[in-house]
């Protein structure tokens, strides 16, 4: 499987995942439905950054991973 998430994109996804987890923990006492949604979204961001593949990028033909020309 070809990677389509570059290093800069993966770092942004990791930072956003951390922010959304923190926001989810903060909102846990107020609204658990929103917190669960934030946790799920954070998990998706975390996994796509670690694996290097994004399904939506594949659908829309986006590739932020630099092409190795060897």
N, C-alpha and C. Protein backbone atom coordinates (compact mmCIF):
# COMPACT_ATOMS: atom_id res chain seq x y z
N UNK A 1 0.84 -1.18 0.00
CA UNK A 1 0.00 0.00 0.00
C UNK A 1 0.89 1.24 0.00
N UNK A 2 0.54 2.16 -0.83
CA UNK A 2 1.32 3.37 -1.01
C UNK A 2 0.94 4.41 0.03
N UNK A 3 1.95 5.04 0.63
CA UNK A 3 1.69 6.10 1.61
C UNK A 3 1.27 7.37 0.87
N UNK A 4 0.33 8.11 1.47
CA UNK A 4 -0.09 9.37 0.87
C UNK A 4 -0.13 10.51 1.88
N UNK A 5 0.46 10.30 3.06
CA UNK A 5 0.54 11.33 4.09
C UNK A 5 2.02 11.63 4.34
N UNK A 6 2.42 12.88 4.08
CA UNK A 6 3.81 13.29 4.26
C UNK A 6 4.14 13.56 5.72
N UNK A 7 5.42 13.85 5.99
CA UNK A 7 5.88 14.06 7.36
C UNK A 7 5.25 15.30 7.98
N UNK A 8 5.20 16.40 7.25
CA UNK A 8 4.60 17.63 7.79
C UNK A 8 3.12 17.42 8.08
N UNK A 9 2.44 16.74 7.18
CA UNK A 9 1.02 16.44 7.35
C UNK A 9 0.82 15.54 8.57
N UNK A 10 1.69 14.57 8.76
CA UNK A 10 1.58 13.67 9.91
C UNK A 10 1.80 14.41 11.23
N UNK A 11 2.74 15.36 11.23
CA UNK A 11 2.98 16.14 12.45
C UNK A 11 1.77 17.00 12.78
N UNK A 12 1.18 17.62 11.77
CA UNK A 12 -0.03 18.43 11.99
C UNK A 12 -1.15 17.55 12.53
N UNK A 13 -1.29 16.36 12.01
CA UNK A 13 -2.33 15.45 12.49
C UNK A 13 -2.09 15.03 13.94
N UNK A 14 -0.84 14.80 14.30
CA UNK A 14 -0.52 14.44 15.69
C UNK A 14 -0.84 15.58 16.65
N UNK A 15 -0.49 16.81 16.26
CA UNK A 15 -0.78 17.97 17.10
C UNK A 15 -2.28 18.16 17.25
N UNK A 16 -3.01 18.04 16.15
CA UNK A 16 -4.47 18.17 16.20
C UNK A 16 -5.10 17.08 17.06
N UNK A 17 -4.57 15.87 16.96
CA UNK A 17 -5.10 14.77 17.78
C UNK A 17 -4.90 15.07 19.25
N UNK A 18 -3.75 15.59 19.62
CA UNK A 18 -3.49 15.92 21.02
C UNK A 18 -4.42 17.03 21.50
N UNK A 19 -4.63 18.03 20.66
CA UNK A 19 -5.55 19.13 21.02
C UNK A 19 -6.96 18.61 21.20
N UNK A 20 -7.42 17.76 20.28
CA UNK A 20 -8.78 17.24 20.37
C UNK A 20 -8.97 16.31 21.57
N UNK A 21 -7.94 15.55 21.93
CA UNK A 21 -8.04 14.70 23.13
C UNK A 21 -8.16 15.59 24.36
N UNK A 22 -7.34 16.63 24.44
CA UNK A 22 -7.43 17.55 25.57
C UNK A 22 -8.78 18.23 25.65
N UNK A 23 -9.31 18.64 24.52
CA UNK A 23 -10.63 19.27 24.49
C UNK A 23 -11.71 18.27 24.87
N UNK A 24 -11.55 17.02 24.44
CA UNK A 24 -12.52 15.99 24.80
C UNK A 24 -12.53 15.70 26.29
N UNK A 25 -11.35 15.68 26.89
CA UNK A 25 -11.26 15.47 28.34
C UNK A 25 -11.88 16.65 29.07
N UNK A 26 -11.62 17.85 28.60
CA UNK A 26 -12.18 19.05 29.21
C UNK A 26 -13.71 19.07 29.13
N UNK A 27 -14.25 18.65 28.00
CA UNK A 27 -15.71 18.68 27.80
C UNK A 27 -16.41 17.43 28.30
N UNK A 28 -15.67 16.47 28.84
CA UNK A 28 -16.26 15.21 29.26
C UNK A 28 -17.36 15.40 30.31
N UNK A 29 -17.18 16.34 31.22
CA UNK A 29 -18.19 16.56 32.25
C UNK A 29 -19.38 17.34 31.73
N UNK A 30 -19.22 18.07 30.63
CA UNK A 30 -20.30 18.89 30.09
C UNK A 30 -21.18 18.09 29.13
N UNK A 31 -20.57 17.48 28.13
CA UNK A 31 -21.33 16.75 27.12
C UNK A 31 -20.51 15.54 26.66
N UNK A 32 -20.93 14.37 27.08
CA UNK A 32 -20.15 13.17 26.77
C UNK A 32 -20.24 12.78 25.29
N UNK A 33 -21.33 13.13 24.61
CA UNK A 33 -21.47 12.80 23.20
C UNK A 33 -20.42 13.53 22.36
N UNK A 34 -20.23 14.79 22.62
CA UNK A 34 -19.23 15.57 21.90
C UNK A 34 -17.83 15.04 22.23
N UNK A 35 -17.60 14.68 23.49
CA UNK A 35 -16.30 14.16 23.91
C UNK A 35 -15.98 12.85 23.19
N UNK A 36 -16.96 11.98 23.09
CA UNK A 36 -16.74 10.70 22.39
C UNK A 36 -16.42 10.96 20.92
N UNK A 37 -17.12 11.88 20.31
CA UNK A 37 -16.84 12.24 18.92
C UNK A 37 -15.43 12.78 18.75
N UNK A 38 -15.00 13.62 19.69
CA UNK A 38 -13.63 14.15 19.63
C UNK A 38 -12.60 13.06 19.82
N UNK A 39 -12.87 12.11 20.71
CA UNK A 39 -11.94 10.99 20.92
C UNK A 39 -11.83 10.12 19.67
N UNK A 40 -12.95 9.84 19.03
CA UNK A 40 -12.94 9.03 17.81
C UNK A 40 -12.18 9.75 16.69
N UNK A 41 -12.45 11.04 16.53
CA UNK A 41 -11.76 11.83 15.51
C UNK A 41 -10.26 11.88 15.80
N UNK A 42 -9.89 12.04 17.07
CA UNK A 42 -8.48 12.06 17.46
C UNK A 42 -7.81 10.73 17.14
N UNK A 43 -8.52 9.64 17.41
CA UNK A 43 -7.97 8.32 17.11
C UNK A 43 -7.73 8.16 15.61
N UNK A 44 -8.66 8.63 14.80
CA UNK A 44 -8.50 8.54 13.35
C UNK A 44 -7.30 9.36 12.89
N UNK A 45 -7.15 10.57 13.43
CA UNK A 45 -6.00 11.40 13.07
C UNK A 45 -4.69 10.73 13.49
N UNK A 46 -4.68 10.17 14.68
CA UNK A 46 -3.49 9.49 15.19
C UNK A 46 -3.11 8.31 14.30
N UNK A 47 -4.07 7.49 13.96
CA UNK A 47 -3.79 6.30 13.16
C UNK A 47 -3.32 6.66 11.75
N UNK A 48 -3.96 7.65 11.12
CA UNK A 48 -3.54 8.02 9.76
C UNK A 48 -2.14 8.62 9.78
N UNK A 49 -1.79 9.33 10.86
CA UNK A 49 -0.44 9.89 10.90
C UNK A 49 0.60 8.80 11.15
N UNK A 50 0.28 7.80 11.96
CA UNK A 50 1.24 6.73 12.24
C UNK A 50 1.39 5.76 11.06
N UNK A 51 0.29 5.45 10.40
CA UNK A 51 0.31 4.49 9.29
C UNK A 51 0.81 5.16 8.00
N UNK A 52 0.48 6.44 7.83
CA UNK A 52 0.91 7.15 6.63
C UNK A 52 -0.06 7.06 5.48
N UNK A 53 -1.26 6.59 5.75
CA UNK A 53 -2.29 6.48 4.71
C UNK A 53 -3.58 7.11 5.19
N UNK A 54 -4.23 7.83 4.29
CA UNK A 54 -5.52 8.44 4.59
C UNK A 54 -6.50 8.03 3.49
N UNK A 55 -7.62 7.43 3.90
CA UNK A 55 -8.61 6.97 2.94
C UNK A 55 -9.24 8.11 2.15
N UNK A 56 -9.49 9.23 2.82
CA UNK A 56 -10.07 10.37 2.11
C UNK A 56 -9.10 10.96 1.09
N UNK A 57 -7.82 10.95 1.41
CA UNK A 57 -6.82 11.41 0.45
C UNK A 57 -6.85 10.52 -0.79
N UNK A 58 -7.01 9.23 -0.60
CA UNK A 58 -7.08 8.29 -1.73
C UNK A 58 -8.29 8.58 -2.61
N UNK A 59 -9.44 8.84 -1.97
CA UNK A 59 -10.67 9.11 -2.72
C UNK A 59 -10.54 10.38 -3.56
N UNK A 60 -9.93 11.42 -2.96
CA UNK A 60 -9.82 12.71 -3.65
C UNK A 60 -8.53 12.86 -4.45
N UNK A 61 -7.66 11.86 -4.43
CA UNK A 61 -6.43 11.89 -5.22
C UNK A 61 -5.37 12.82 -4.66
N UNK A 62 -5.37 13.04 -3.36
CA UNK A 62 -4.40 13.91 -2.71
C UNK A 62 -3.23 13.07 -2.22
N UNK A 63 -2.02 13.61 -2.37
CA UNK A 63 -0.83 12.92 -1.90
C UNK A 63 0.15 13.97 -1.39
N UNK A 64 0.39 14.01 -0.07
CA UNK A 64 1.33 14.97 0.51
C UNK A 64 2.68 14.34 0.78
N UNK A 65 2.83 13.07 0.45
CA UNK A 65 4.08 12.35 0.64
C UNK A 65 4.98 12.62 -0.58
N UNK A 66 6.23 13.05 -0.34
CA UNK A 66 7.11 13.33 -1.50
C UNK A 66 7.42 12.04 -2.25
N UNK A 67 7.53 12.17 -3.55
CA UNK A 67 7.79 11.01 -4.41
C UNK A 67 9.28 10.77 -4.47
N UNK A 68 9.69 9.54 -4.18
CA UNK A 68 11.10 9.15 -4.23
C UNK A 68 11.46 8.77 -5.67
N UNK A 69 12.40 9.53 -6.30
CA UNK A 69 12.75 9.30 -7.70
C UNK A 69 14.10 8.58 -7.80
N UNK A 70 14.12 7.32 -7.40
CA UNK A 70 15.35 6.52 -7.50
C UNK A 70 15.24 5.56 -8.65
